């Protein structure tokens, strides 16, 4: 069986969404998340991954879900969906809708991400 045949469709979409290979964890919770959320919801054709991610980032900021925000920001940056200027613009835009206190964590997360990427790029040269 080839890798494509042995990889559940939801796991393939999850890998595409995040830009890294996720292990196929055991258990029902992961299987339902993989098969339903990524296999059915993220694959629907009406919205792109980029559009879904922007909605998700806005929701996370608005609800104060800062613990998983870094994962989405990193994936958006790594996949080329948002560059440094766009990430910073996202902070400014959301500050006016989600409120300054809610966006302080977003700004901190964005700047840490970009600093880490800059540090990594400096080591490449």
PDB file of N, CA and C in Angstrom:
ATOM      1  N   UNK A   1       0.844  -1.167   0.000  1.00  0.00           N
ATOM      2  CA  UNK A   1       0.000   0.000   0.000  1.00  0.00           C
ATOM      3  C   UNK A   1       0.892   1.233   0.000  1.00  0.00           C
ATOM      4  N   UNK A   2       0.602   2.209  -0.851  1.00  0.00           N
ATOM      5  CA  UNK A   2       1.418   3.412  -0.913  1.00  0.00           C
ATOM      6  C   UNK A   2       1.102   4.313   0.271  1.00  0.00           C
ATOM      7  N   UNK A   3       1.964   5.321   0.487  1.00  0.00           N
ATOM      8  CA  UNK A   3       1.764   6.246   1.591  1.00  0.00           C
ATOM      9  C   UNK A   3       0.434   6.976   1.445  1.00  0.00           C
ATOM     10  N   UNK A   4       0.074   7.354   0.201  1.00  0.00           N
ATOM     11  CA  UNK A   4      -1.190   8.049  -0.026  1.00  0.00           C
ATOM     12  C   UNK A   4      -2.377   7.178   0.354  1.00  0.00           C
ATOM     13  N   UNK A   5      -2.306   5.890   0.060  1.00  0.00           N
ATOM     14  CA  UNK A   5      -3.406   4.984   0.379  1.00  0.00           C
ATOM     15  C   UNK A   5      -3.497   4.710   1.871  1.00  0.00           C
ATOM     16  N   UNK A   6      -2.385   4.768   2.574  1.00  0.00           N
ATOM     17  CA  UNK A   6      -2.396   4.462   4.001  1.00  0.00           C
ATOM     18  C   UNK A   6      -2.634   5.699   4.867  1.00  0.00           C
ATOM     19  N   UNK A   7      -2.572   6.885   4.299  1.00  0.00           N
ATOM     20  CA  UNK A   7      -2.800   8.116   5.045  1.00  0.00           C
ATOM     21  C   UNK A   7      -4.278   8.481   4.973  1.00  0.00           C
ATOM     22  N   UNK A   8      -4.952   8.532   6.119  1.00  0.00           N
ATOM     23  CA  UNK A   8      -6.365   8.927   6.093  1.00  0.00           C
ATOM     24  C   UNK A   8      -6.514  10.317   5.465  1.00  0.00           C
ATOM     25  N   UNK A   9      -7.567  10.542   4.675  1.00  0.00           N
ATOM     26  CA  UNK A   9      -7.745  11.844   4.010  1.00  0.00           C
ATOM     27  C   UNK A   9      -7.728  13.026   4.976  1.00  0.00           C
ATOM     28  N   UNK A  10      -8.315  12.853   6.154  1.00  0.00           N
ATOM     29  CA  UNK A  10      -8.304  13.938   7.129  1.00  0.00           C
ATOM     30  C   UNK A  10      -6.902  14.283   7.599  1.00  0.00           C
ATOM     31  N   UNK A  11      -6.050  13.274   7.719  1.00  0.00           N
ATOM     32  CA  UNK A  11      -4.667  13.509   8.146  1.00  0.00           C
ATOM     33  C   UNK A  11      -3.894  14.233   7.044  1.00  0.00           C
ATOM     34  N   UNK A  12      -4.149  13.867   5.813  1.00  0.00           N
ATOM     35  CA  UNK A  12      -3.499  14.559   4.693  1.00  0.00           C
ATOM     36  C   UNK A  12      -3.892  16.035   4.676  1.00  0.00           C
ATOM     37  N   UNK A  13      -5.161  16.338   4.912  1.00  0.00           N
ATOM     38  CA  UNK A  13      -5.618  17.732   4.942  1.00  0.00           C
ATOM     39  C   UNK A  13      -5.033  18.457   6.153  1.00  0.00           C
ATOM     40  N   UNK A  14      -4.967  17.788   7.294  1.00  0.00           N
ATOM     41  CA  UNK A  14      -4.369  18.380   8.486  1.00  0.00           C
ATOM     42  C   UNK A  14      -2.914  18.756   8.211  1.00  0.00           C
ATOM     43  N   UNK A  15      -2.185  17.872   7.559  1.00  0.00           N
ATOM     44  CA  UNK A  15      -0.792  18.152   7.212  1.00  0.00           C
ATOM     45  C   UNK A  15      -0.689  19.343   6.273  1.00  0.00           C
ATOM     46  N   UNK A  16      -1.624  19.438   5.329  1.00  0.00           N
ATOM     47  CA  UNK A  16      -1.640  20.565   4.397  1.00  0.00           C
ATOM     48  C   UNK A  16      -1.955  21.868   5.134  1.00  0.00           C
ATOM     49  N   UNK A  17      -2.930  21.838   6.017  1.00  0.00           N
ATOM     50  CA  UNK A  17      -3.349  23.027   6.763  1.00  0.00           C
ATOM     51  C   UNK A  17      -2.213  23.575   7.618  1.00  0.00           C
ATOM     52  N   UNK A  18      -1.502  22.686   8.297  1.00  0.00           N
ATOM     53  CA  UNK A  18      -0.459  23.137   9.213  1.00  0.00           C
ATOM     54  C   UNK A  18       0.929  23.191   8.592  1.00  0.00           C
ATOM     55  N   UNK A  19       1.121  22.548   7.471  1.00  0.00           N
ATOM     56  CA  UNK A  19       2.414  22.617   6.807  1.00  0.00           C
ATOM     57  C   UNK A  19       3.471  21.736   7.423  1.00  0.00           C
ATOM     58  N   UNK A  20       3.080  20.777   8.222  1.00  0.00           N
ATOM     59  CA  UNK A  20       4.000  19.793   8.792  1.00  0.00           C
ATOM     60  C   UNK A  20       3.269  18.479   8.921  1.00  0.00           C
ATOM     61  N   UNK A  21       4.031  17.411   9.061  1.00  0.00           N
ATOM     62  CA  UNK A  21       3.442  16.077   9.144  1.00  0.00           C
ATOM     63  C   UNK A  21       3.032  15.762  10.574  1.00  0.00           C
ATOM     64  N   UNK A  22       1.748  15.622  10.763  1.00  0.00           N
ATOM     65  CA  UNK A  22       1.217  15.263  12.072  1.00  0.00           C
ATOM     66  C   UNK A  22       1.212  13.752  12.200  1.00  0.00           C
ATOM     67  N   UNK A  23       1.602  13.247  13.344  1.00  0.00           N
ATOM     68  CA  UNK A  23       1.476  11.799  13.547  1.00  0.00           C
ATOM     69  C   UNK A  23      -0.010  11.423  13.593  1.00  0.00           C
ATOM     70  N   UNK A  24      -0.307  10.210  13.240  1.00  0.00           N
ATOM     71  CA  UNK A  24      -1.672   9.705  13.312  1.00  0.00           C
ATOM     72  C   UNK A  24      -1.886   9.140  14.716  1.00  0.00           C
ATOM     73  N   UNK A  25      -2.225  10.028  15.654  1.00  0.00           N
ATOM     74  CA  UNK A  25      -2.355   9.643  17.053  1.00  0.00           C
ATOM     75  C   UNK A  25      -3.462   8.611  17.252  1.00  0.00           C
ATOM     76  N   UNK A  26      -3.325   7.761  18.248  1.00  0.00           N
ATOM     77  CA  UNK A  26      -4.379   6.785  18.544  1.00  0.00           C
ATOM     78  C   UNK A  26      -5.536   7.450  19.292  1.00  0.00           C
ATOM     79  N   UNK A  27      -6.645   6.779  19.326  1.00  0.00           N
ATOM     80  CA  UNK A  27      -7.776   7.214  20.135  1.00  0.00           C
ATOM     81  C   UNK A  27      -8.879   7.874  19.338  1.00  0.00           C
ATOM     82  N   UNK A  28     -10.069   7.794  19.905  1.00  0.00           N
ATOM     83  CA  UNK A  28     -11.257   8.314  19.238  1.00  0.00           C
ATOM     84  C   UNK A  28     -11.239   9.825  19.072  1.00  0.00           C
ATOM     85  N   UNK A  29     -10.765  10.567  20.085  1.00  0.00           N
ATOM     86  CA  UNK A  29     -10.788  12.026  19.990  1.00  0.00           C
ATOM     87  C   UNK A  29     -10.002  12.497  18.775  1.00  0.00           C
ATOM     88  N   UNK A  30      -8.786  11.992  18.613  1.00  0.00           N
ATOM     89  CA  UNK A  30      -7.983  12.401  17.463  1.00  0.00           C
ATOM     90  C   UNK A  30      -8.623  11.914  16.164  1.00  0.00           C
ATOM     91  N   UNK A  31      -9.133  10.690  16.146  1.00  0.00           N
ATOM     92  CA  UNK A  31      -9.743  10.139  14.932  1.00  0.00           C
ATOM     93  C   UNK A  31     -10.945  10.967  14.491  1.00  0.00           C
ATOM     94  N   UNK A  32     -11.769  11.391  15.431  1.00  0.00           N
ATOM     95  CA  UNK A  32     -12.935  12.205  15.083  1.00  0.00           C
ATOM     96  C   UNK A  32     -12.493  13.582  14.599  1.00  0.00           C
ATOM     97  N   UNK A  33     -11.524  14.163  15.285  1.00  0.00           N
ATOM     98  CA  UNK A  33     -10.982  15.450  14.848  1.00  0.00           C
ATOM     99  C   UNK A  33     -10.402  15.328  13.449  1.00  0.00           C
ATOM    100  N   UNK A  34      -9.595  14.315  13.230  1.00  0.00           N
ATOM    101  CA  UNK A  34      -8.942  14.093  11.934  1.00  0.00           C
ATOM    102  C   UNK A  34      -9.983  13.870  10.841  1.00  0.00           C
ATOM    103  N   UNK A  35     -10.902  12.948  11.078  1.00  0.00           N
ATOM    104  CA  UNK A  35     -11.843  12.552  10.037  1.00  0.00           C
ATOM    105  C   UNK A  35     -12.945  13.578   9.790  1.00  0.00           C
ATOM    106  N   UNK A  36     -13.475  14.156  10.863  1.00  0.00           N
ATOM    107  CA  UNK A  36     -14.579  15.103  10.670  1.00  0.00           C
ATOM    108  C   UNK A  36     -14.077  16.519  10.394  1.00  0.00           C
ATOM    109  N   UNK A  37     -13.310  17.076  11.348  1.00  0.00           N
ATOM    110  CA  UNK A  37     -12.877  18.467  11.203  1.00  0.00           C
ATOM    111  C   UNK A  37     -12.004  18.660   9.961  1.00  0.00           C
ATOM    112  N   UNK A  38     -10.984  17.823   9.821  1.00  0.00           N
ATOM    113  CA  UNK A  38     -10.069  18.011   8.696  1.00  0.00           C
ATOM    114  C   UNK A  38     -10.522  17.258   7.444  1.00  0.00           C
ATOM    115  N   UNK A  39     -11.139  16.104   7.609  1.00  0.00           N
ATOM    116  CA  UNK A  39     -11.578  15.322   6.457  1.00  0.00           C
ATOM    117  C   UNK A  39     -12.852  15.824   5.808  1.00  0.00           C
ATOM    118  N   UNK A  40     -13.705  16.491   6.594  1.00  0.00           N
ATOM    119  CA  UNK A  40     -14.975  16.962   6.046  1.00  0.00           C
ATOM    120  C   UNK A  40     -15.129  18.486   6.054  1.00  0.00           C
ATOM    121  N   UNK A  41     -14.761  19.130   7.150  1.00  0.00           N
ATOM    122  CA  UNK A  41     -14.990  20.577   7.263  1.00  0.00           C
ATOM    123  C   UNK A  41     -13.938  21.393   6.509  1.00  0.00           C
ATOM    124  N   UNK A  42     -12.656  21.115   6.755  1.00  0.00           N
ATOM    125  CA  UNK A  42     -11.594  21.871   6.079  1.00  0.00           C
ATOM    126  C   UNK A  42     -11.526  21.561   4.588  1.00  0.00           C
ATOM    127  N   UNK A  43     -12.148  20.510   4.117  1.00  0.00           N
ATOM    128  CA  UNK A  43     -12.096  20.164   2.695  1.00  0.00           C
ATOM    129  C   UNK A  43     -13.274  20.707   1.892  1.00  0.00           C
ATOM    130  N   UNK A  44     -14.242  21.329   2.564  1.00  0.00           N
ATOM    131  CA  UNK A  44     -15.388  21.882   1.847  1.00  0.00           C
ATOM    132  C   UNK A  44     -14.894  22.955   0.878  1.00  0.00           C
ATOM    133  N   UNK A  45     -15.478  23.042  -0.312  1.00  0.00           N
ATOM    134  CA  UNK A  45     -14.921  23.888  -1.362  1.00  0.00           C
ATOM    135  C   UNK A  45     -15.226  25.387  -1.295  1.00  0.00           C
ATOM    136  N   UNK A  46     -16.156  25.821  -0.472  1.00  0.00           N
ATOM    137  CA  UNK A  46     -16.579  27.225  -0.516  1.00  0.00           C
ATOM    138  C   UNK A  46     -15.543  28.209   0.035  1.00  0.00           C
ATOM    139  N   UNK A  47     -14.673  27.761   0.941  1.00  0.00           N
ATOM    140  CA  UNK A  47     -13.632  28.625   1.506  1.00  0.00           C
ATOM    141  C   UNK A  47     -12.270  27.973   1.331  1.00  0.00           C
ATOM    142  N   UNK A  48     -11.264  28.796   1.098  1.00  0.00           N
ATOM    143  CA  UNK A  48      -9.889  28.299   0.999  1.00  0.00           C
ATOM    144  C   UNK A  48      -9.316  28.084   2.396  1.00  0.00           C
ATOM    145  N   UNK A  49      -8.189  27.418   2.456  1.00  0.00           N
ATOM    146  CA  UNK A  49      -7.480  27.261   3.730  1.00  0.00           C
ATOM    147  C   UNK A  49      -7.158  28.640   4.303  1.00  0.00           C
ATOM    148  N   UNK A  50      -6.700  29.548   3.458  1.00  0.00           N
ATOM    149  CA  UNK A  50      -6.322  30.885   3.905  1.00  0.00           C
ATOM    150  C   UNK A  50      -7.521  31.624   4.497  1.00  0.00           C
ATOM    151  N   UNK A  51      -8.682  31.530   3.839  1.00  0.00           N
ATOM    152  CA  UNK A  51      -9.875  32.193   4.357  1.00  0.00           C
ATOM    153  C   UNK A  51     -10.309  31.587   5.684  1.00  0.00           C
ATOM    154  N   UNK A  52     -10.283  30.266   5.760  1.00  0.00           N
ATOM    155  CA  UNK A  52     -10.647  29.596   7.010  1.00  0.00           C
ATOM    156  C   UNK A  52      -9.690  30.004   8.134  1.00  0.00           C
ATOM    157  N   UNK A  53      -8.404  30.100   7.806  1.00  0.00           N
ATOM    158  CA  UNK A  53      -7.423  30.443   8.837  1.00  0.00           C
ATOM    159  C   UNK A  53      -7.643  31.868   9.352  1.00  0.00           C
ATOM    160  N   UNK A  54      -7.933  32.820   8.468  1.00  0.00           N
ATOM    161  CA  UNK A  54      -8.196  34.187   8.923  1.00  0.00           C
ATOM    162  C   UNK A  54      -9.415  34.230   9.841  1.00  0.00           C
ATOM    163  N   UNK A  55     -10.450  33.499   9.476  1.00  0.00           N
ATOM    164  CA  UNK A  55     -11.627  33.422  10.341  1.00  0.00           C
ATOM    165  C   UNK A  55     -11.264  32.826  11.696  1.00  0.00           C
ATOM    166  N   UNK A  56     -10.481  31.773  11.671  1.00  0.00           N
ATOM    167  CA  UNK A  56     -10.084  31.089  12.893  1.00  0.00           C
ATOM    168  C   UNK A  56      -9.224  31.986  13.780  1.00  0.00           C
ATOM    169  N   UNK A  57      -8.290  32.712  13.185  1.00  0.00           N
ATOM    170  CA  UNK A  57      -7.443  33.623  13.960  1.00  0.00           C
ATOM    171  C   UNK A  57      -8.312  34.701  14.606  1.00  0.00           C
ATOM    172  N   UNK A  58      -9.228  35.282  13.846  1.00  0.00           N
ATOM    173  CA  UNK A  58     -10.122  36.296  14.404  1.00  0.00           C
ATOM    174  C   UNK A  58     -10.952  35.749  15.559  1.00  0.00           C
ATOM    175  N   UNK A  59     -11.469  34.544  15.394  1.00  0.00           N
ATOM    176  CA  UNK A  59     -12.251  33.904  16.446  1.00  0.00           C
ATOM    177  C   UNK A  59     -11.397  33.667  17.694  1.00  0.00           C
ATOM    178  N   UNK A  60     -10.195  33.162  17.487  1.00  0.00           N
ATOM    179  CA  UNK A  60      -9.312  32.875  18.621  1.00  0.00           C
ATOM    180  C   UNK A  60      -8.975  34.143  19.397  1.00  0.00           C
ATOM    181  N   UNK A  61      -8.678  35.217  18.668  1.00  0.00           N
ATOM    182  CA  UNK A  61      -8.359  36.482  19.335  1.00  0.00           C
ATOM    183  C   UNK A  61      -9.582  36.994  20.087  1.00  0.00           C
ATOM    184  N   UNK A  62     -10.738  36.991  19.425  1.00  0.00           N
ATOM    185  CA  UNK A  62     -11.957  37.494  20.035  1.00  0.00           C
ATOM    186  C   UNK A  62     -12.379  36.717  21.274  1.00  0.00           C
ATOM    187  N   UNK A  63     -12.088  35.437  21.288  1.00  0.00           N
ATOM    188  CA  UNK A  63     -12.478  34.592  22.427  1.00  0.00           C
ATOM    189  C   UNK A  63     -11.350  34.418  23.440  1.00  0.00           C
ATOM    190  N   UNK A  64     -10.174  34.986  23.157  1.00  0.00           N
ATOM    191  CA  UNK A  64      -9.052  34.873  24.084  1.00  0.00           C
ATOM    192  C   UNK A  64      -8.419  33.494  24.099  1.00  0.00           C
ATOM    193  N   UNK A  65      -8.475  32.785  22.986  1.00  0.00           N
ATOM    194  CA  UNK A  65      -7.905  31.433  22.899  1.00  0.00           C
ATOM    195  C   UNK A  65      -6.434  31.503  22.494  1.00  0.00           C
ATOM    196  N   UNK A  66      -5.655  32.164  23.332  1.00  0.00           N
ATOM    197  CA  UNK A  66      -4.259  32.448  23.016  1.00  0.00           C
ATOM    198  C   UNK A  66      -3.353  31.230  23.043  1.00  0.00           C
ATOM    199  N   UNK A  67      -3.769  30.170  23.728  1.00  0.00           N
ATOM    200  CA  UNK A  67      -2.910  29.000  23.852  1.00  0.00           C
ATOM    201  C   UNK A  67      -2.697  28.292  22.511  1.00  0.00           C
ATOM    202  N   UNK A  68      -3.632  28.392  21.591  1.00  0.00           N
ATOM    203  CA  UNK A  68      -3.480  27.728  20.289  1.00  0.00           C
ATOM    204  C   UNK A  68      -3.287  28.717  19.141  1.00  0.00           C
ATOM    205  N   UNK A  69      -3.289  29.992  19.456  1.00  0.00           N
ATOM    206  CA  UNK A  69      -3.124  31.026  18.437  1.00  0.00           C
ATOM    207  C   UNK A  69      -1.779  30.926  17.722  1.00  0.00           C
ATOM    208  N   UNK A  70      -0.722  30.642  18.466  1.00  0.00           N
ATOM    209  CA  UNK A  70       0.618  30.567  17.872  1.00  0.00           C
ATOM    210  C   UNK A  70       0.696  29.494  16.788  1.00  0.00           C
ATOM    211  N   UNK A  71      -0.030  28.408  16.951  1.00  0.00           N
ATOM    212  CA  UNK A  71      -0.023  27.330  15.953  1.00  0.00           C
ATOM    213  C   UNK A  71      -0.573  27.848  14.627  1.00  0.00           C
ATOM    214  N   UNK A  72      -1.677  28.582  14.690  1.00  0.00           N
ATOM    215  CA  UNK A  72      -2.294  29.114  13.469  1.00  0.00           C
ATOM    216  C   UNK A  72      -1.427  30.186  12.814  1.00  0.00           C
ATOM    217  N   UNK A  73      -0.851  31.061  13.624  1.00  0.00           N
ATOM    218  CA  UNK A  73       0.005  32.115  13.077  1.00  0.00           C
ATOM    219  C   UNK A  73       1.248  31.527  12.420  1.00  0.00           C
ATOM    220  N   UNK A  74       1.866  30.561  13.078  1.00  0.00           N
ATOM    221  CA  UNK A  74       3.048  29.911  12.522  1.00  0.00           C
ATOM    222  C   UNK A  74       2.716  29.208  11.208  1.00  0.00           C
ATOM    223  N   UNK A  75       1.595  28.513  11.172  1.00  0.00           N
ATOM    224  CA  UNK A  75       1.206  27.814   9.947  1.00  0.00           C
ATOM    225  C   UNK A  75       0.937  28.804   8.820  1.00  0.00           C
ATOM    226  N   UNK A  76       0.250  29.907   9.119  1.00  0.00           N
ATOM    227  CA  UNK A  76      -0.040  30.917   8.096  1.00  0.00           C
ATOM    228  C   UNK A  76       1.247  31.524   7.554  1.00  0.00           C
ATOM    229  N   UNK A  77       2.195  31.783   8.433  1.00  0.00           N
ATOM    230  CA  UNK A  77       3.471  32.370   8.007  1.00  0.00           C
ATOM    231  C   UNK A  77       4.297  31.360   7.210  1.00  0.00           C
ATOM    232  N   UNK A  78       4.395  30.149   7.733  1.00  0.00           N
ATOM    233  CA  UNK A  78       5.206  29.105   7.098  1.00  0.00           C
ATOM    234  C   UNK A  78       4.661  28.721   5.725  1.00  0.00           C
ATOM    235  N   UNK A  79       3.337  28.694   5.593  1.00  0.00           N
ATOM    236  CA  UNK A  79       2.706  28.317   4.319  1.00  0.00           C
ATOM    237  C   UNK A  79       2.653  29.484   3.330  1.00  0.00           C
ATOM    238  N   UNK A  80       3.103  30.668   3.754  1.00  0.00           N
ATOM    239  CA  UNK A  80       3.103  31.826   2.852  1.00  0.00           C
ATOM    240  C   UNK A  80       1.735  32.486   2.711  1.00  0.00           C
ATOM    241  N   UNK A  81       0.820  32.180   3.612  1.00  0.00           N
ATOM    242  CA  UNK A  81      -0.506  32.795   3.559  1.00  0.00           C
ATOM    243  C   UNK A  81      -0.463  34.245   4.047  1.00  0.00           C
ATOM    244  N   UNK A  82       0.380  34.507   5.039  1.00  0.00           N
ATOM    245  CA  UNK A  82       0.552  35.842   5.591  1.00  0.00           C
ATOM    246  C   UNK A  82       2.043  36.106   5.771  1.00  0.00           C
ATOM    247  N   UNK A  83       2.500  37.276   5.284  1.00  0.00           N
ATOM    248  CA  UNK A  83       3.894  37.648   5.499  1.00  0.00           C
ATOM    249  C   UNK A  83       3.988  38.528   6.755  1.00  0.00           C
ATOM    250  N   UNK A  84       5.172  39.001   7.075  1.00  0.00           N
ATOM    251  CA  UNK A  84       5.386  39.776   8.303  1.00  0.00           C
ATOM    252  C   UNK A  84       4.510  41.026   8.329  1.00  0.00           C
ATOM    253  N   UNK A  85       4.441  41.757   7.219  1.00  0.00           N
ATOM    254  CA  UNK A  85       3.620  42.972   7.176  1.00  0.00           C
ATOM    255  C   UNK A  85       2.140  42.644   7.359  1.00  0.00           C
ATOM    256  N   UNK A  86       1.682  41.563   6.763  1.00  0.00           N
ATOM    257  CA  UNK A  86       0.279  41.177   6.891  1.00  0.00           C
ATOM    258  C   UNK A  86      -0.055  40.714   8.311  1.00  0.00           C
ATOM    259  N   UNK A  87       0.868  40.013   8.952  1.00  0.00           N
ATOM    260  CA  UNK A  87       0.643  39.611  10.342  1.00  0.00           C
ATOM    261  C   UNK A  87       0.517  40.835  11.242  1.00  0.00           C
ATOM    262  N   UNK A  88       1.384  41.811  11.030  1.00  0.00           N
ATOM    263  CA  UNK A  88       1.321  43.028  11.844  1.00  0.00           C
ATOM    264  C   UNK A  88       0.058  43.828  11.541  1.00  0.00           C
ATOM    265  N   UNK A  89      -0.376  43.822  10.294  1.00  0.00           N
ATOM    266  CA  UNK A  89      -1.621  44.506   9.934  1.00  0.00           C
ATOM    267  C   UNK A  89      -2.822  43.816  10.571  1.00  0.00           C
ATOM    268  N   UNK A  90      -2.765  42.509  10.676  1.00  0.00           N
ATOM    269  CA  UNK A  90      -3.814  41.738  11.341  1.00  0.00           C
ATOM    270  C   UNK A  90      -3.964  42.187  12.794  1.00  0.00           C
ATOM    271  N   UNK A  91      -2.835  42.437  13.456  1.00  0.00           N
ATOM    272  CA  UNK A  91      -2.848  42.919  14.843  1.00  0.00           C
ATOM    273  C   UNK A  91      -3.584  44.252  14.923  1.00  0.00           C
ATOM    274  N   UNK A  92      -3.236  45.181  14.057  1.00  0.00           N
ATOM    275  CA  UNK A  92      -3.851  46.513  14.069  1.00  0.00           C
ATOM    276  C   UNK A  92      -5.347  46.418  13.780  1.00  0.00           C
ATOM    277  N   UNK A  93      -5.705  45.638  12.777  1.00  0.00           N
ATOM    278  CA  UNK A  93      -7.113  45.492  12.395  1.00  0.00           C
ATOM    279  C   UNK A  93      -7.932  44.885  13.531  1.00  0.00           C
ATOM    280  N   UNK A  94      -7.468  43.787  14.080  1.00  0.00           N
ATOM    281  CA  UNK A  94      -8.222  43.096  15.123  1.00  0.00           C
ATOM    282  C   UNK A  94      -8.281  43.896  16.424  1.00  0.00           C
ATOM    283  N   UNK A  95      -7.305  44.750  16.661  1.00  0.00           N
ATOM    284  CA  UNK A  95      -7.343  45.582  17.867  1.00  0.00           C
ATOM    285  C   UNK A  95      -8.598  46.444  17.897  1.00  0.00           C
ATOM    286  N   UNK A  96      -9.042  46.875  16.747  1.00  0.00           N
ATOM    287  CA  UNK A  96     -10.212  47.746  16.680  1.00  0.00           C
ATOM    288  C   UNK A  96     -11.532  46.986  16.821  1.00  0.00           C
ATOM    289  N   UNK A  97     -11.511  45.693  16.611  1.00  0.00           N
ATOM    290  CA  UNK A  97     -12.730  44.903  16.717  1.00  0.00           C
ATOM    291  C   UNK A  97     -12.753  44.021  17.967  1.00  0.00           C
ATOM    292  N   UNK A  98     -11.611  43.490  18.334  1.00  0.00           N
ATOM    293  CA  UNK A  98     -11.551  42.595  19.488  1.00  0.00           C
ATOM    294  C   UNK A  98     -11.146  43.341  20.757  1.00  0.00           C
ATOM    295  N   UNK A  99     -10.593  44.541  20.598  1.00  0.00           N
ATOM    296  CA  UNK A  99     -10.174  45.351  21.738  1.00  0.00           C
ATOM    297  C   UNK A  99      -8.695  45.177  22.052  1.00  0.00           C
ATOM    298  N   UNK A 100      -8.107  46.266  22.519  1.00  0.00           N
ATOM    299  CA  UNK A 100      -6.678  46.260  22.796  1.00  0.00           C
ATOM    300  C   UNK A 100      -6.261  45.142  23.746  1.00  0.00           C
ATOM    301  N   UNK A 101      -6.948  44.944  24.876  1.00  0.00           N
ATOM    302  CA  UNK A 101      -6.504  43.879  25.785  1.00  0.00           C
ATOM    303  C   UNK A 101      -6.458  42.505  25.123  1.00  0.00           C
ATOM    304  N   UNK A 102      -7.410  42.236  24.248  1.00  0.00           N
ATOM    305  CA  UNK A 102      -7.432  40.936  23.572  1.00  0.00           C
ATOM    306  C   UNK A 102      -6.299  40.788  22.574  1.00  0.00           C
ATOM    307  N   UNK A 103      -5.859  41.888  22.013  1.00  0.00           N
ATOM    308  CA  UNK A 103      -4.866  41.831  20.939  1.00  0.00           C
ATOM    309  C   UNK A 103      -3.438  41.926  21.456  1.00  0.00           C
ATOM    310  N   UNK A 104      -3.266  42.275  22.714  1.00  0.00           N
ATOM    311  CA  UNK A 104      -1.911  42.331  23.279  1.00  0.00           C
ATOM    312  C   UNK A 104      -1.226  40.970  23.131  1.00  0.00           C
ATOM    313  N   UNK A 105      -1.928  39.894  23.423  1.00  0.00           N
ATOM    314  CA  UNK A 105      -1.346  38.549  23.288  1.00  0.00           C
ATOM    315  C   UNK A 105      -1.055  38.237  21.829  1.00  0.00           C
ATOM    316  N   UNK A 106      -1.935  38.645  20.926  1.00  0.00           N
ATOM    317  CA  UNK A 106      -1.700  38.426  19.492  1.00  0.00           C
ATOM    318  C   UNK A 106      -0.435  39.147  19.053  1.00  0.00           C
ATOM    319  N   UNK A 107      -0.291  40.415  19.435  1.00  0.00           N
ATOM    320  CA  UNK A 107       0.894  41.172  19.057  1.00  0.00           C
ATOM    321  C   UNK A 107       2.162  40.517  19.582  1.00  0.00           C
ATOM    322  N   UNK A 108       2.132  40.089  20.816  1.00  0.00           N
ATOM    323  CA  UNK A 108       3.285  39.418  21.413  1.00  0.00           C
ATOM    324  C   UNK A 108       3.621  38.132  20.660  1.00  0.00           C
ATOM    325  N   UNK A 109       2.602  37.366  20.323  1.00  0.00           N
ATOM    326  CA  UNK A 109       2.815  36.106  19.607  1.00  0.00           C
ATOM    327  C   UNK A 109       3.382  36.357  18.218  1.00  0.00           C
ATOM    328  N   UNK A 110       2.847  37.353  17.517  1.00  0.00           N
ATOM    329  CA  UNK A 110       3.342  37.696  16.180  1.00  0.00           C
ATOM    330  C   UNK A 110       4.796  38.112  16.247  1.00  0.00           C
ATOM    331  N   UNK A 111       5.142  38.996  17.172  1.00  0.00           N
ATOM    332  CA  UNK A 111       6.521  39.488  17.253  1.00  0.00           C
ATOM    333  C   UNK A 111       7.494  38.378  17.660  1.00  0.00           C
ATOM    334  N   UNK A 112       7.074  37.482  18.542  1.00  0.00           N
ATOM    335  CA  UNK A 112       7.930  36.340  18.902  1.00  0.00           C
ATOM    336  C   UNK A 112       8.146  35.434  17.693  1.00  0.00           C
ATOM    337  N   UNK A 113       7.102  35.180  16.948  1.00  0.00           N
ATOM    338  CA  UNK A 113       7.206  34.353  15.741  1.00  0.00           C
ATOM    339  C   UNK A 113       8.173  34.975  14.742  1.00  0.00           C
ATOM    340  N   UNK A 114       8.011  36.260  14.477  1.00  0.00           N
ATOM    341  CA  UNK A 114       8.864  36.921  13.495  1.00  0.00           C
ATOM    342  C   UNK A 114      10.311  37.029  13.979  1.00  0.00           C
ATOM    343  N   UNK A 115      10.511  37.248  15.270  1.00  0.00           N
ATOM    344  CA  UNK A 115      11.873  37.269  15.818  1.00  0.00           C
ATOM    345  C   UNK A 115      12.541  35.910  15.677  1.00  0.00           C
ATOM    346  N   UNK A 116      11.788  34.861  15.953  1.00  0.00           N
ATOM    347  CA  UNK A 116      12.337  33.499  15.816  1.00  0.00           C
ATOM    348  C   UNK A 116      12.680  33.206  14.366  1.00  0.00           C
ATOM    349  N   UNK A 117      11.832  33.629  13.447  1.00  0.00           N
ATOM    350  CA  UNK A 117      12.096  33.397  12.018  1.00  0.00           C
ATOM    351  C   UNK A 117      13.300  34.221  11.563  1.00  0.00           C
ATOM    352  N   UNK A 118      13.409  35.483  12.051  1.00  0.00           N
ATOM    353  CA  UNK A 118      14.562  36.306  11.716  1.00  0.00           C
ATOM    354  C   UNK A 118      15.852  35.695  12.258  1.00  0.00           C
ATOM    355  N   UNK A 119      15.795  35.192  13.480  1.00  0.00           N
ATOM    356  CA  UNK A 119      16.974  34.572  14.087  1.00  0.00           C
ATOM    357  C   UNK A 119      17.376  33.320  13.299  1.00  0.00           C
ATOM    358  N   UNK A 120      16.391  32.556  12.868  1.00  0.00           N
ATOM    359  CA  UNK A 120      16.666  31.372  12.070  1.00  0.00           C
ATOM    360  C   UNK A 120      17.253  31.720  10.715  1.00  0.00           C
ATOM    361  N   UNK A 121      16.762  32.811  10.105  1.00  0.00           N
ATOM    362  CA  UNK A 121      17.274  33.241   8.802  1.00  0.00           C
ATOM    363  C   UNK A 121      18.692  33.773   8.928  1.00  0.00           C
ATOM    364  N   UNK A 122      18.991  34.465  10.036  1.00  0.00           N
ATOM    365  CA  UNK A 122      20.329  35.011  10.244  1.00  0.00           C
ATOM    366  C   UNK A 122      21.348  33.882  10.361  1.00  0.00           C
ATOM    367  N   UNK A 123      20.936  32.760  10.915  1.00  0.00           N
ATOM    368  CA  UNK A 123      21.838  31.626  11.063  1.00  0.00           C
ATOM    369  C   UNK A 123      22.059  30.879   9.771  1.00  0.00           C
ATOM    370  N   UNK A 124      21.191  31.127   8.758  1.00  0.00           N
ATOM    371  CA  UNK A 124      21.311  30.431   7.481  1.00  0.00           C
ATOM    372  C   UNK A 124      22.397  31.032   6.601  1.00  0.00           C
ATOM    373  N   UNK A 125      22.712  32.305   6.825  1.00  0.00           N
ATOM    374  CA  UNK A 125      23.625  32.997   5.919  1.00  0.00           C
ATOM    375  C   UNK A 125      24.998  32.822   6.266  1.00  0.00           C
TER     376      UNK A 125
END
